[in-house]
Each structure stands twice: as structure tokens, then as C-alpha cells.
């Protein structure tokens, strides 16, 4: 889980891993 974490784009219901500049 820890080592693959940087590739997880959406973690936890309250957090989005979308890039900040992606308005969509």
C-alpha cells in the first residue's frame, strides 16, 4: 500500500488526487 501509494489517484472519500490545474 505504501510503496504503490503515489500512483493512487483517489484516496479516501474526501480527497481527490486530481492535479490542481485540472478543472474537470
PDBML (XML) file of the C-alpha atoms, coordinates in Angstrom:
<?xml version="1.0" encoding="UTF-8" ?>
<PDBx:datablock datablockName="MODEL"
   xmlns:PDBx="http://pdbml.pdb.org/schema/pdbx-v50.xsd"
   xmlns:xsi="http://www.w3.org/2001/XMLSchema-instance"
   xsi:schemaLocation="http://pdbml.pdb.org/schema/pdbx-v50.xsd pdbx-v50.xsd">
   <PDBx:atom_siteCategory>
      <PDBx:atom_site id="1">
         <PDBx:B_iso_or_equiv>0.00</PDBx:B_iso_or_equiv>
         <PDBx:Cartn_x>0.000</PDBx:Cartn_x>
         <PDBx:Cartn_y>0.000</PDBx:Cartn_y>
         <PDBx:Cartn_z>0.000</PDBx:Cartn_z>
         <PDBx:auth_asym_id>A</PDBx:auth_asym_id>
         <PDBx:auth_atom_id>CA</PDBx:auth_atom_id>
         <PDBx:auth_comp_id>UNK</PDBx:auth_comp_id>
         <PDBx:auth_seq_id>1</PDBx:auth_seq_id>
         <PDBx:group_PDB>ATOM</PDBx:group_PDB>
         <PDBx:label_alt_id xsi:nil="true" />
         <PDBx:label_asym_id>A</PDBx:label_asym_id>
         <PDBx:label_atom_id>CA</PDBx:label_atom_id>
         <PDBx:label_comp_id>UNK</PDBx:label_comp_id>
         <PDBx:label_entity_id>1</PDBx:label_entity_id>
         <PDBx:label_seq_id>1</PDBx:label_seq_id>
         <PDBx:occupancy>1.00</PDBx:occupancy>
         <PDBx:pdbx_PDB_model_num>1</PDBx:pdbx_PDB_model_num>
         <PDBx:type_symbol>C</PDBx:type_symbol>
      </PDBx:atom_site>
      <PDBx:atom_site id="2">
         <PDBx:B_iso_or_equiv>0.00</PDBx:B_iso_or_equiv>
         <PDBx:Cartn_x>2.747</PDBx:Cartn_x>
         <PDBx:Cartn_y>2.452</PDBx:Cartn_y>
         <PDBx:Cartn_z>0.969</PDBx:Cartn_z>
         <PDBx:auth_asym_id>A</PDBx:auth_asym_id>
         <PDBx:auth_atom_id>CA</PDBx:auth_atom_id>
         <PDBx:auth_comp_id>UNK</PDBx:auth_comp_id>
         <PDBx:auth_seq_id>2</PDBx:auth_seq_id>
         <PDBx:group_PDB>ATOM</PDBx:group_PDB>
         <PDBx:label_alt_id xsi:nil="true" />
         <PDBx:label_asym_id>A</PDBx:label_asym_id>
         <PDBx:label_atom_id>CA</PDBx:label_atom_id>
         <PDBx:label_comp_id>UNK</PDBx:label_comp_id>
         <PDBx:label_entity_id>1</PDBx:label_entity_id>
         <PDBx:label_seq_id>2</PDBx:label_seq_id>
         <PDBx:occupancy>1.00</PDBx:occupancy>
         <PDBx:pdbx_PDB_model_num>1</PDBx:pdbx_PDB_model_num>
         <PDBx:type_symbol>C</PDBx:type_symbol>
      </PDBx:atom_site>
      <PDBx:atom_site id="3">
         <PDBx:B_iso_or_equiv>0.00</PDBx:B_iso_or_equiv>
         <PDBx:Cartn_x>5.019</PDBx:Cartn_x>
         <PDBx:Cartn_y>1.851</PDBx:Cartn_y>
         <PDBx:Cartn_z>-1.989</PDBx:Cartn_z>
         <PDBx:auth_asym_id>A</PDBx:auth_asym_id>
         <PDBx:auth_atom_id>CA</PDBx:auth_atom_id>
         <PDBx:auth_comp_id>UNK</PDBx:auth_comp_id>
         <PDBx:auth_seq_id>3</PDBx:auth_seq_id>
         <PDBx:group_PDB>ATOM</PDBx:group_PDB>
         <PDBx:label_alt_id xsi:nil="true" />
         <PDBx:label_asym_id>A</PDBx:label_asym_id>
         <PDBx:label_atom_id>CA</PDBx:label_atom_id>
         <PDBx:label_comp_id>UNK</PDBx:label_comp_id>
         <PDBx:label_entity_id>1</PDBx:label_entity_id>
         <PDBx:label_seq_id>3</PDBx:label_seq_id>
         <PDBx:occupancy>1.00</PDBx:occupancy>
         <PDBx:pdbx_PDB_model_num>1</PDBx:pdbx_PDB_model_num>
         <PDBx:type_symbol>C</PDBx:type_symbol>
      </PDBx:atom_site>
      <PDBx:atom_site id="4">
         <PDBx:B_iso_or_equiv>0.00</PDBx:B_iso_or_equiv>
         <PDBx:Cartn_x>2.233</PDBx:Cartn_x>
         <PDBx:Cartn_y>1.985</PDBx:Cartn_y>
         <PDBx:Cartn_z>-4.563</PDBx:Cartn_z>
         <PDBx:auth_asym_id>A</PDBx:auth_asym_id>
         <PDBx:auth_atom_id>CA</PDBx:auth_atom_id>
         <PDBx:auth_comp_id>UNK</PDBx:auth_comp_id>
         <PDBx:auth_seq_id>4</PDBx:auth_seq_id>
         <PDBx:group_PDB>ATOM</PDBx:group_PDB>
         <PDBx:label_alt_id xsi:nil="true" />
         <PDBx:label_asym_id>A</PDBx:label_asym_id>
         <PDBx:label_atom_id>CA</PDBx:label_atom_id>
         <PDBx:label_comp_id>UNK</PDBx:label_comp_id>
         <PDBx:label_entity_id>1</PDBx:label_entity_id>
         <PDBx:label_seq_id>4</PDBx:label_seq_id>
         <PDBx:occupancy>1.00</PDBx:occupancy>
         <PDBx:pdbx_PDB_model_num>1</PDBx:pdbx_PDB_model_num>
         <PDBx:type_symbol>C</PDBx:type_symbol>
      </PDBx:atom_site>
      <PDBx:atom_site id="5">
         <PDBx:B_iso_or_equiv>0.00</PDBx:B_iso_or_equiv>
         <PDBx:Cartn_x>0.550</PDBx:Cartn_x>
         <PDBx:Cartn_y>4.952</PDBx:Cartn_y>
         <PDBx:Cartn_z>-2.925</PDBx:Cartn_z>
         <PDBx:auth_asym_id>A</PDBx:auth_asym_id>
         <PDBx:auth_atom_id>CA</PDBx:auth_atom_id>
         <PDBx:auth_comp_id>UNK</PDBx:auth_comp_id>
         <PDBx:auth_seq_id>5</PDBx:auth_seq_id>
         <PDBx:group_PDB>ATOM</PDBx:group_PDB>
         <PDBx:label_alt_id xsi:nil="true" />
         <PDBx:label_asym_id>A</PDBx:label_asym_id>
         <PDBx:label_atom_id>CA</PDBx:label_atom_id>
         <PDBx:label_comp_id>UNK</PDBx:label_comp_id>
         <PDBx:label_entity_id>1</PDBx:label_entity_id>
         <PDBx:label_seq_id>5</PDBx:label_seq_id>
         <PDBx:occupancy>1.00</PDBx:occupancy>
         <PDBx:pdbx_PDB_model_num>1</PDBx:pdbx_PDB_model_num>
         <PDBx:type_symbol>C</PDBx:type_symbol>
      </PDBx:atom_site>
      <PDBx:atom_site id="6">
         <PDBx:B_iso_or_equiv>0.00</PDBx:B_iso_or_equiv>
         <PDBx:Cartn_x>1.970</PDBx:Cartn_x>
         <PDBx:Cartn_y>7.672</PDBx:Cartn_y>
         <PDBx:Cartn_z>-5.263</PDBx:Cartn_z>
         <PDBx:auth_asym_id>A</PDBx:auth_asym_id>
         <PDBx:auth_atom_id>CA</PDBx:auth_atom_id>
         <PDBx:auth_comp_id>UNK</PDBx:auth_comp_id>
         <PDBx:auth_seq_id>6</PDBx:auth_seq_id>
         <PDBx:group_PDB>ATOM</PDBx:group_PDB>
         <PDBx:label_alt_id xsi:nil="true" />
         <PDBx:label_asym_id>A</PDBx:label_asym_id>
         <PDBx:label_atom_id>CA</PDBx:label_atom_id>
         <PDBx:label_comp_id>UNK</PDBx:label_comp_id>
         <PDBx:label_entity_id>1</PDBx:label_entity_id>
         <PDBx:label_seq_id>6</PDBx:label_seq_id>
         <PDBx:occupancy>1.00</PDBx:occupancy>
         <PDBx:pdbx_PDB_model_num>1</PDBx:pdbx_PDB_model_num>
         <PDBx:type_symbol>C</PDBx:type_symbol>
      </PDBx:atom_site>
      <PDBx:atom_site id="7">
         <PDBx:B_iso_or_equiv>0.00</PDBx:B_iso_or_equiv>
         <PDBx:Cartn_x>0.059</PDBx:Cartn_x>
         <PDBx:Cartn_y>6.045</PDBx:Cartn_y>
         <PDBx:Cartn_z>-8.131</PDBx:Cartn_z>
         <PDBx:auth_asym_id>A</PDBx:auth_asym_id>
         <PDBx:auth_atom_id>CA</PDBx:auth_atom_id>
         <PDBx:auth_comp_id>UNK</PDBx:auth_comp_id>
         <PDBx:auth_seq_id>7</PDBx:auth_seq_id>
         <PDBx:group_PDB>ATOM</PDBx:group_PDB>
         <PDBx:label_alt_id xsi:nil="true" />
         <PDBx:label_asym_id>A</PDBx:label_asym_id>
         <PDBx:label_atom_id>CA</PDBx:label_atom_id>
         <PDBx:label_comp_id>UNK</PDBx:label_comp_id>
         <PDBx:label_entity_id>1</PDBx:label_entity_id>
         <PDBx:label_seq_id>7</PDBx:label_seq_id>
         <PDBx:occupancy>1.00</PDBx:occupancy>
         <PDBx:pdbx_PDB_model_num>1</PDBx:pdbx_PDB_model_num>
         <PDBx:type_symbol>C</PDBx:type_symbol>
      </PDBx:atom_site>
      <PDBx:atom_site id="8">
         <PDBx:B_iso_or_equiv>0.00</PDBx:B_iso_or_equiv>
         <PDBx:Cartn_x>-3.290</PDBx:Cartn_x>
         <PDBx:Cartn_y>6.087</PDBx:Cartn_y>
         <PDBx:Cartn_z>-6.343</PDBx:Cartn_z>
         <PDBx:auth_asym_id>A</PDBx:auth_asym_id>
         <PDBx:auth_atom_id>CA</PDBx:auth_atom_id>
         <PDBx:auth_comp_id>UNK</PDBx:auth_comp_id>
         <PDBx:auth_seq_id>8</PDBx:auth_seq_id>
         <PDBx:group_PDB>ATOM</PDBx:group_PDB>
         <PDBx:label_alt_id xsi:nil="true" />
         <PDBx:label_asym_id>A</PDBx:label_asym_id>
         <PDBx:label_atom_id>CA</PDBx:label_atom_id>
         <PDBx:label_comp_id>UNK</PDBx:label_comp_id>
         <PDBx:label_entity_id>1</PDBx:label_entity_id>
         <PDBx:label_seq_id>8</PDBx:label_seq_id>
         <PDBx:occupancy>1.00</PDBx:occupancy>
         <PDBx:pdbx_PDB_model_num>1</PDBx:pdbx_PDB_model_num>
         <PDBx:type_symbol>C</PDBx:type_symbol>
      </PDBx:atom_site>
      <PDBx:atom_site id="9">
         <PDBx:B_iso_or_equiv>0.00</PDBx:B_iso_or_equiv>
         <PDBx:Cartn_x>-5.235</PDBx:Cartn_x>
         <PDBx:Cartn_y>8.997</PDBx:Cartn_y>
         <PDBx:Cartn_z>-7.703</PDBx:Cartn_z>
         <PDBx:auth_asym_id>A</PDBx:auth_asym_id>
         <PDBx:auth_atom_id>CA</PDBx:auth_atom_id>
         <PDBx:auth_comp_id>UNK</PDBx:auth_comp_id>
         <PDBx:auth_seq_id>9</PDBx:auth_seq_id>
         <PDBx:group_PDB>ATOM</PDBx:group_PDB>
         <PDBx:label_alt_id xsi:nil="true" />
         <PDBx:label_asym_id>A</PDBx:label_asym_id>
         <PDBx:label_atom_id>CA</PDBx:label_atom_id>
         <PDBx:label_comp_id>UNK</PDBx:label_comp_id>
         <PDBx:label_entity_id>1</PDBx:label_entity_id>
         <PDBx:label_seq_id>9</PDBx:label_seq_id>
         <PDBx:occupancy>1.00</PDBx:occupancy>
         <PDBx:pdbx_PDB_model_num>1</PDBx:pdbx_PDB_model_num>
         <PDBx:type_symbol>C</PDBx:type_symbol>
      </PDBx:atom_site>
      <PDBx:atom_site id="10">
         <PDBx:B_iso_or_equiv>0.00</PDBx:B_iso_or_equiv>
         <PDBx:Cartn_x>-8.209</PDBx:Cartn_x>
         <PDBx:Cartn_y>8.949</PDBx:Cartn_y>
         <PDBx:Cartn_z>-5.414</PDBx:Cartn_z>
         <PDBx:auth_asym_id>A</PDBx:auth_asym_id>
         <PDBx:auth_atom_id>CA</PDBx:auth_atom_id>
         <PDBx:auth_comp_id>UNK</PDBx:auth_comp_id>
         <PDBx:auth_seq_id>10</PDBx:auth_seq_id>
         <PDBx:group_PDB>ATOM</PDBx:group_PDB>
         <PDBx:label_alt_id xsi:nil="true" />
         <PDBx:label_asym_id>A</PDBx:label_asym_id>
         <PDBx:label_atom_id>CA</PDBx:label_atom_id>
         <PDBx:label_comp_id>UNK</PDBx:label_comp_id>
         <PDBx:label_entity_id>1</PDBx:label_entity_id>
         <PDBx:label_seq_id>10</PDBx:label_seq_id>
         <PDBx:occupancy>1.00</PDBx:occupancy>
         <PDBx:pdbx_PDB_model_num>1</PDBx:pdbx_PDB_model_num>
         <PDBx:type_symbol>C</PDBx:type_symbol>
      </PDBx:atom_site>
      <PDBx:atom_site id="11">
         <PDBx:B_iso_or_equiv>0.00</PDBx:B_iso_or_equiv>
         <PDBx:Cartn_x>-7.800</PDBx:Cartn_x>
         <PDBx:Cartn_y>8.051</PDBx:Cartn_y>
         <PDBx:Cartn_z>-1.772</PDBx:Cartn_z>
         <PDBx:auth_asym_id>A</PDBx:auth_asym_id>
         <PDBx:auth_atom_id>CA</PDBx:auth_atom_id>
         <PDBx:auth_comp_id>UNK</PDBx:auth_comp_id>
         <PDBx:auth_seq_id>11</PDBx:auth_seq_id>
         <PDBx:group_PDB>ATOM</PDBx:group_PDB>
         <PDBx:label_alt_id xsi:nil="true" />
         <PDBx:label_asym_id>A</PDBx:label_asym_id>
         <PDBx:label_atom_id>CA</PDBx:label_atom_id>
         <PDBx:label_comp_id>UNK</PDBx:label_comp_id>
         <PDBx:label_entity_id>1</PDBx:label_entity_id>
         <PDBx:label_seq_id>11</PDBx:label_seq_id>
         <PDBx:occupancy>1.00</PDBx:occupancy>
         <PDBx:pdbx_PDB_model_num>1</PDBx:pdbx_PDB_model_num>
         <PDBx:type_symbol>C</PDBx:type_symbol>
      </PDBx:atom_site>
      <PDBx:atom_site id="12">
         <PDBx:B_iso_or_equiv>0.00</PDBx:B_iso_or_equiv>
         <PDBx:Cartn_x>-10.443</PDBx:Cartn_x>
         <PDBx:Cartn_y>8.416</PDBx:Cartn_y>
         <PDBx:Cartn_z>0.894</PDBx:Cartn_z>
         <PDBx:auth_asym_id>A</PDBx:auth_asym_id>
         <PDBx:auth_atom_id>CA</PDBx:auth_atom_id>
         <PDBx:auth_comp_id>UNK</PDBx:auth_comp_id>
         <PDBx:auth_seq_id>12</PDBx:auth_seq_id>
         <PDBx:group_PDB>ATOM</PDBx:group_PDB>
         <PDBx:label_alt_id xsi:nil="true" />
         <PDBx:label_asym_id>A</PDBx:label_asym_id>
         <PDBx:label_atom_id>CA</PDBx:label_atom_id>
         <PDBx:label_comp_id>UNK</PDBx:label_comp_id>
         <PDBx:label_entity_id>1</PDBx:label_entity_id>
         <PDBx:label_seq_id>12</PDBx:label_seq_id>
         <PDBx:occupancy>1.00</PDBx:occupancy>
         <PDBx:pdbx_PDB_model_num>1</PDBx:pdbx_PDB_model_num>
         <PDBx:type_symbol>C</PDBx:type_symbol>
      </PDBx:atom_site>
      <PDBx:atom_site id="13">
         <PDBx:B_iso_or_equiv>0.00</PDBx:B_iso_or_equiv>
         <PDBx:Cartn_x>-13.907</PDBx:Cartn_x>
         <PDBx:Cartn_y>9.671</PDBx:Cartn_y>
         <PDBx:Cartn_z>0.057</PDBx:Cartn_z>
         <PDBx:auth_asym_id>A</PDBx:auth_asym_id>
         <PDBx:auth_atom_id>CA</PDBx:auth_atom_id>
         <PDBx:auth_comp_id>UNK</PDBx:auth_comp_id>
         <PDBx:auth_seq_id>13</PDBx:auth_seq_id>
         <PDBx:group_PDB>ATOM</PDBx:group_PDB>
         <PDBx:label_alt_id xsi:nil="true" />
         <PDBx:label_asym_id>A</PDBx:label_asym_id>
         <PDBx:label_atom_id>CA</PDBx:label_atom_id>
         <PDBx:label_comp_id>UNK</PDBx:label_comp_id>
         <PDBx:label_entity_id>1</PDBx:label_entity_id>
         <PDBx:label_seq_id>13</PDBx:label_seq_id>
         <PDBx:occupancy>1.00</PDBx:occupancy>
         <PDBx:pdbx_PDB_model_num>1</PDBx:pdbx_PDB_model_num>
         <PDBx:type_symbol>C</PDBx:type_symbol>
      </PDBx:atom_site>
      <PDBx:atom_site id="14">
         <PDBx:B_iso_or_equiv>0.00</PDBx:B_iso_or_equiv>
         <PDBx:Cartn_x>-12.982</PDBx:Cartn_x>
         <PDBx:Cartn_y>13.244</PDBx:Cartn_y>
         <PDBx:Cartn_z>0.948</PDBx:Cartn_z>
         <PDBx:auth_asym_id>A</PDBx:auth_asym_id>
         <PDBx:auth_atom_id>CA</PDBx:auth_atom_id>
         <PDBx:auth_comp_id>UNK</PDBx:auth_comp_id>
         <PDBx:auth_seq_id>14</PDBx:auth_seq_id>
         <PDBx:group_PDB>ATOM</PDBx:group_PDB>
         <PDBx:label_alt_id xsi:nil="true" />
         <PDBx:label_asym_id>A</PDBx:label_asym_id>
         <PDBx:label_atom_id>CA</PDBx:label_atom_id>
         <PDBx:label_comp_id>UNK</PDBx:label_comp_id>
         <PDBx:label_entity_id>1</PDBx:label_entity_id>
         <PDBx:label_seq_id>14</PDBx:label_seq_id>
         <PDBx:occupancy>1.00</PDBx:occupancy>
         <PDBx:pdbx_PDB_model_num>1</PDBx:pdbx_PDB_model_num>
         <PDBx:type_symbol>C</PDBx:type_symbol>
      </PDBx:atom_site>
      <PDBx:atom_site id="15">
         <PDBx:B_iso_or_equiv>0.00</PDBx:B_iso_or_equiv>
         <PDBx:Cartn_x>-9.805</PDBx:Cartn_x>
         <PDBx:Cartn_y>13.622</PDBx:Cartn_y>
         <PDBx:Cartn_z>-1.127</PDBx:Cartn_z>
         <PDBx:auth_asym_id>A</PDBx:auth_asym_id>
         <PDBx:auth_atom_id>CA</PDBx:auth_atom_id>
         <PDBx:auth_comp_id>UNK</PDBx:auth_comp_id>
         <PDBx:auth_seq_id>15</PDBx:auth_seq_id>
         <PDBx:group_PDB>ATOM</PDBx:group_PDB>
         <PDBx:label_alt_id xsi:nil="true" />
         <PDBx:label_asym_id>A</PDBx:label_asym_id>
         <PDBx:label_atom_id>CA</PDBx:label_atom_id>
         <PDBx:label_comp_id>UNK</PDBx:label_comp_id>
         <PDBx:label_entity_id>1</PDBx:label_entity_id>
         <PDBx:label_seq_id>15</PDBx:label_seq_id>
         <PDBx:occupancy>1.00</PDBx:occupancy>
         <PDBx:pdbx_PDB_model_num>1</PDBx:pdbx_PDB_model_num>
         <PDBx:type_symbol>C</PDBx:type_symbol>
      </PDBx:atom_site>
      <PDBx:atom_site id="16">
         <PDBx:B_iso_or_equiv>0.00</PDBx:B_iso_or_equiv>
         <PDBx:Cartn_x>-9.196</PDBx:Cartn_x>
         <PDBx:Cartn_y>13.967</PDBx:Cartn_y>
         <PDBx:Cartn_z>-4.877</PDBx:Cartn_z>
         <PDBx:auth_asym_id>A</PDBx:auth_asym_id>
         <PDBx:auth_atom_id>CA</PDBx:auth_atom_id>
         <PDBx:auth_comp_id>UNK</PDBx:auth_comp_id>
         <PDBx:auth_seq_id>16</PDBx:auth_seq_id>
         <PDBx:group_PDB>ATOM</PDBx:group_PDB>
         <PDBx:label_alt_id xsi:nil="true" />
         <PDBx:label_asym_id>A</PDBx:label_asym_id>
         <PDBx:label_atom_id>CA</PDBx:label_atom_id>
         <PDBx:label_comp_id>UNK</PDBx:label_comp_id>
         <PDBx:label_entity_id>1</PDBx:label_entity_id>
         <PDBx:label_seq_id>16</PDBx:label_seq_id>
         <PDBx:occupancy>1.00</PDBx:occupancy>
         <PDBx:pdbx_PDB_model_num>1</PDBx:pdbx_PDB_model_num>
         <PDBx:type_symbol>C</PDBx:type_symbol>
      </PDBx:atom_site>
      <PDBx:atom_site id="17">
         <PDBx:B_iso_or_equiv>0.00</PDBx:B_iso_or_equiv>
         <PDBx:Cartn_x>-5.808</PDBx:Cartn_x>
         <PDBx:Cartn_y>13.189</PDBx:Cartn_y>
         <PDBx:Cartn_z>-6.329</PDBx:Cartn_z>
         <PDBx:auth_asym_id>A</PDBx:auth_asym_id>
         <PDBx:auth_atom_id>CA</PDBx:auth_atom_id>
         <PDBx:auth_comp_id>UNK</PDBx:auth_comp_id>
         <PDBx:auth_seq_id>17</PDBx:auth_seq_id>
         <PDBx:group_PDB>ATOM</PDBx:group_PDB>
         <PDBx:label_alt_id xsi:nil="true" />
         <PDBx:label_asym_id>A</PDBx:label_asym_id>
         <PDBx:label_atom_id>CA</PDBx:label_atom_id>
         <PDBx:label_comp_id>UNK</PDBx:label_comp_id>
         <PDBx:label_entity_id>1</PDBx:label_entity_id>
         <PDBx:label_seq_id>17</PDBx:label_seq_id>
         <PDBx:occupancy>1.00</PDBx:occupancy>
         <PDBx:pdbx_PDB_model_num>1</PDBx:pdbx_PDB_model_num>
         <PDBx:type_symbol>C</PDBx:type_symbol>
      </PDBx:atom_site>
      <PDBx:atom_site id="18">
         <PDBx:B_iso_or_equiv>0.00</PDBx:B_iso_or_equiv>
         <PDBx:Cartn_x>-6.533</PDBx:Cartn_x>
         <PDBx:Cartn_y>15.168</PDBx:Cartn_y>
         <PDBx:Cartn_z>-9.495</PDBx:Cartn_z>
         <PDBx:auth_asym_id>A</PDBx:auth_asym_id>
         <PDBx:auth_atom_id>CA</PDBx:auth_atom_id>
         <PDBx:auth_comp_id>UNK</PDBx:auth_comp_id>
         <PDBx:auth_seq_id>18</PDBx:auth_seq_id>
         <PDBx:group_PDB>ATOM</PDBx:group_PDB>
         <PDBx:label_alt_id xsi:nil="true" />
         <PDBx:label_asym_id>A</PDBx:label_asym_id>
         <PDBx:label_atom_id>CA</PDBx:label_atom_id>
         <PDBx:label_comp_id>UNK</PDBx:label_comp_id>
         <PDBx:label_entity_id>1</PDBx:label_entity_id>
         <PDBx:label_seq_id>18</PDBx:label_seq_id>
         <PDBx:occupancy>1.00</PDBx:occupancy>
         <PDBx:pdbx_PDB_model_num>1</PDBx:pdbx_PDB_model_num>
         <PDBx:type_symbol>C</PDBx:type_symbol>
      </PDBx:atom_site>
      <PDBx:atom_site id="19">
         <PDBx:B_iso_or_equiv>0.00</PDBx:B_iso_or_equiv>
         <PDBx:Cartn_x>-3.844</PDBx:Cartn_x>
         <PDBx:Cartn_y>17.676</PDBx:Cartn_y>
         <PDBx:Cartn_z>-10.496</PDBx:Cartn_z>
         <PDBx:auth_asym_id>A</PDBx:auth_asym_id>
         <PDBx:auth_atom_id>CA</PDBx:auth_atom_id>
         <PDBx:auth_comp_id>UNK</PDBx:auth_comp_id>
         <PDBx:auth_seq_id>19</PDBx:auth_seq_id>
         <PDBx:group_PDB>ATOM</PDBx:group_PDB>
         <PDBx:label_alt_id xsi:nil="true" />
         <PDBx:label_asym_id>A</PDBx:label_asym_id>
         <PDBx:label_atom_id>CA</PDBx:label_atom_id>
         <PDBx:label_comp_id>UNK</PDBx:label_comp_id>
         <PDBx:label_entity_id>1</PDBx:label_entity_id>
         <PDBx:label_seq_id>19</PDBx:label_seq_id>
         <PDBx:occupancy>1.00</PDBx:occupancy>
         <PDBx:pdbx_PDB_model_num>1</PDBx:pdbx_PDB_model_num>
         <PDBx:type_symbol>C</PDBx:type_symbol>
      </PDBx:atom_site>
      <PDBx:atom_site id="20">
         <PDBx:B_iso_or_equiv>0.00</PDBx:B_iso_or_equiv>
         <PDBx:Cartn_x>-4.627</PDBx:Cartn_x>
         <PDBx:Cartn_y>21.133</PDBx:Cartn_y>
         <PDBx:Cartn_z>-9.149</PDBx:Cartn_z>
         <PDBx:auth_asym_id>A</PDBx:auth_asym_id>
         <PDBx:auth_atom_id>CA</PDBx:auth_atom_id>
         <PDBx:auth_comp_id>UNK</PDBx:auth_comp_id>
         <PDBx:auth_seq_id>20</PDBx:auth_seq_id>
         <PDBx:group_PDB>ATOM</PDBx:group_PDB>
         <PDBx:label_alt_id xsi:nil="true" />
         <PDBx:label_asym_id>A</PDBx:label_asym_id>
         <PDBx:label_atom_id>CA</PDBx:label_atom_id>
         <PDBx:label_comp_id>UNK</PDBx:label_comp_id>
         <PDBx:label_entity_id>1</PDBx:label_entity_id>
         <PDBx:label_seq_id>20</PDBx:label_seq_id>
         <PDBx:occupancy>1.00</PDBx:occupancy>
         <PDBx:pdbx_PDB_model_num>1</PDBx:pdbx_PDB_model_num>
         <PDBx:type_symbol>C</PDBx:type_symbol>
      </PDBx:atom_site>
      <PDBx:atom_site id="21">
         <PDBx:B_iso_or_equiv>0.00</PDBx:B_iso_or_equiv>
         <PDBx:Cartn_x>-4.760</PDBx:Cartn_x>
         <PDBx:Cartn_y>22.630</PDBx:Cartn_y>
         <PDBx:Cartn_z>-12.623</PDBx:Cartn_z>
         <PDBx:auth_asym_id>A</PDBx:auth_asym_id>
         <PDBx:auth_atom_id>CA</PDBx:auth_atom_id>
         <PDBx:auth_comp_id>UNK</PDBx:auth_comp_id>
         <PDBx:auth_seq_id>21</PDBx:auth_seq_id>
         <PDBx:group_PDB>ATOM</PDBx:group_PDB>
         <PDBx:label_alt_id xsi:nil="true" />
         <PDBx:label_asym_id>A</PDBx:label_asym_id>
         <PDBx:label_atom_id>CA</PDBx:label_atom_id>
         <PDBx:label_comp_id>UNK</PDBx:label_comp_id>
         <PDBx:label_entity_id>1</PDBx:label_entity_id>
         <PDBx:label_seq_id>21</PDBx:label_seq_id>
         <PDBx:occupancy>1.00</PDBx:occupancy>
         <PDBx:pdbx_PDB_model_num>1</PDBx:pdbx_PDB_model_num>
         <PDBx:type_symbol>C</PDBx:type_symbol>
      </PDBx:atom_site>
      <PDBx:atom_site id="22">
         <PDBx:B_iso_or_equiv>0.00</PDBx:B_iso_or_equiv>
         <PDBx:Cartn_x>-7.320</PDBx:Cartn_x>
         <PDBx:Cartn_y>20.096</PDBx:Cartn_y>
         <PDBx:Cartn_z>-13.855</PDBx:Cartn_z>
         <PDBx:auth_asym_id>A</PDBx:auth_asym_id>
         <PDBx:auth_atom_id>CA</PDBx:auth_atom_id>
         <PDBx:auth_comp_id>UNK</PDBx:auth_comp_id>
         <PDBx:auth_seq_id>22</PDBx:auth_seq_id>
         <PDBx:group_PDB>ATOM</PDBx:group_PDB>
         <PDBx:label_alt_id xsi:nil="true" />
         <PDBx:label_asym_id>A</PDBx:label_asym_id>
         <PDBx:label_atom_id>CA</PDBx:label_atom_id>
         <PDBx:label_comp_id>UNK</PDBx:label_comp_id>
         <PDBx:label_entity_id>1</PDBx:label_entity_id>
         <PDBx:label_seq_id>22</PDBx:label_seq_id>
         <PDBx:occupancy>1.00</PDBx:occupancy>
         <PDBx:pdbx_PDB_model_num>1</PDBx:pdbx_PDB_model_num>
         <PDBx:type_symbol>C</PDBx:type_symbol>
      </PDBx:atom_site>
      <PDBx:atom_site id="23">
         <PDBx:B_iso_or_equiv>0.00</PDBx:B_iso_or_equiv>
         <PDBx:Cartn_x>-10.629</PDBx:Cartn_x>
         <PDBx:Cartn_y>21.944</PDBx:Cartn_y>
         <PDBx:Cartn_z>-13.560</PDBx:Cartn_z>
         <PDBx:auth_asym_id>A</PDBx:auth_asym_id>
         <PDBx:auth_atom_id>CA</PDBx:auth_atom_id>
         <PDBx:auth_comp_id>UNK</PDBx:auth_comp_id>
         <PDBx:auth_seq_id>23</PDBx:auth_seq_id>
         <PDBx:group_PDB>ATOM</PDBx:group_PDB>
         <PDBx:label_alt_id xsi:nil="true" />
         <PDBx:label_asym_id>A</PDBx:label_asym_id>
         <PDBx:label_atom_id>CA</PDBx:label_atom_id>
         <PDBx:label_comp_id>UNK</PDBx:label_comp_id>
         <PDBx:label_entity_id>1</PDBx:label_entity_id>
         <PDBx:label_seq_id>23</PDBx:label_seq_id>
         <PDBx:occupancy>1.00</PDBx:occupancy>
         <PDBx:pdbx_PDB_model_num>1</PDBx:pdbx_PDB_model_num>
         <PDBx:type_symbol>C</PDBx:type_symbol>
      </PDBx:atom_site>
      <PDBx:atom_site id="24">
         <PDBx:B_iso_or_equiv>0.00</PDBx:B_iso_or_equiv>
         <PDBx:Cartn_x>-12.623</PDBx:Cartn_x>
         <PDBx:Cartn_y>18.943</PDBx:Cartn_y>
         <PDBx:Cartn_z>-14.725</PDBx:Cartn_z>
         <PDBx:auth_asym_id>A</PDBx:auth_asym_id>
         <PDBx:auth_atom_id>CA</PDBx:auth_atom_id>
         <PDBx:auth_comp_id>UNK</PDBx:auth_comp_id>
         <PDBx:auth_seq_id>24</PDBx:auth_seq_id>
         <PDBx:group_PDB>ATOM</PDBx:group_PDB>
         <PDBx:label_alt_id xsi:nil="true" />
         <PDBx:label_asym_id>A</PDBx:label_asym_id>
         <PDBx:label_atom_id>CA</PDBx:label_atom_id>
         <PDBx:label_comp_id>UNK</PDBx:label_comp_id>
         <PDBx:label_entity_id>1</PDBx:label_entity_id>
         <PDBx:label_seq_id>24</PDBx:label_seq_id>
         <PDBx:occupancy>1.00</PDBx:occupancy>
         <PDBx:pdbx_PDB_model_num>1</PDBx:pdbx_PDB_model_num>
         <PDBx:type_symbol>C</PDBx:type_symbol>
      </PDBx:atom_site>
   </PDBx:atom_siteCategory>
</PDBx:datablock>
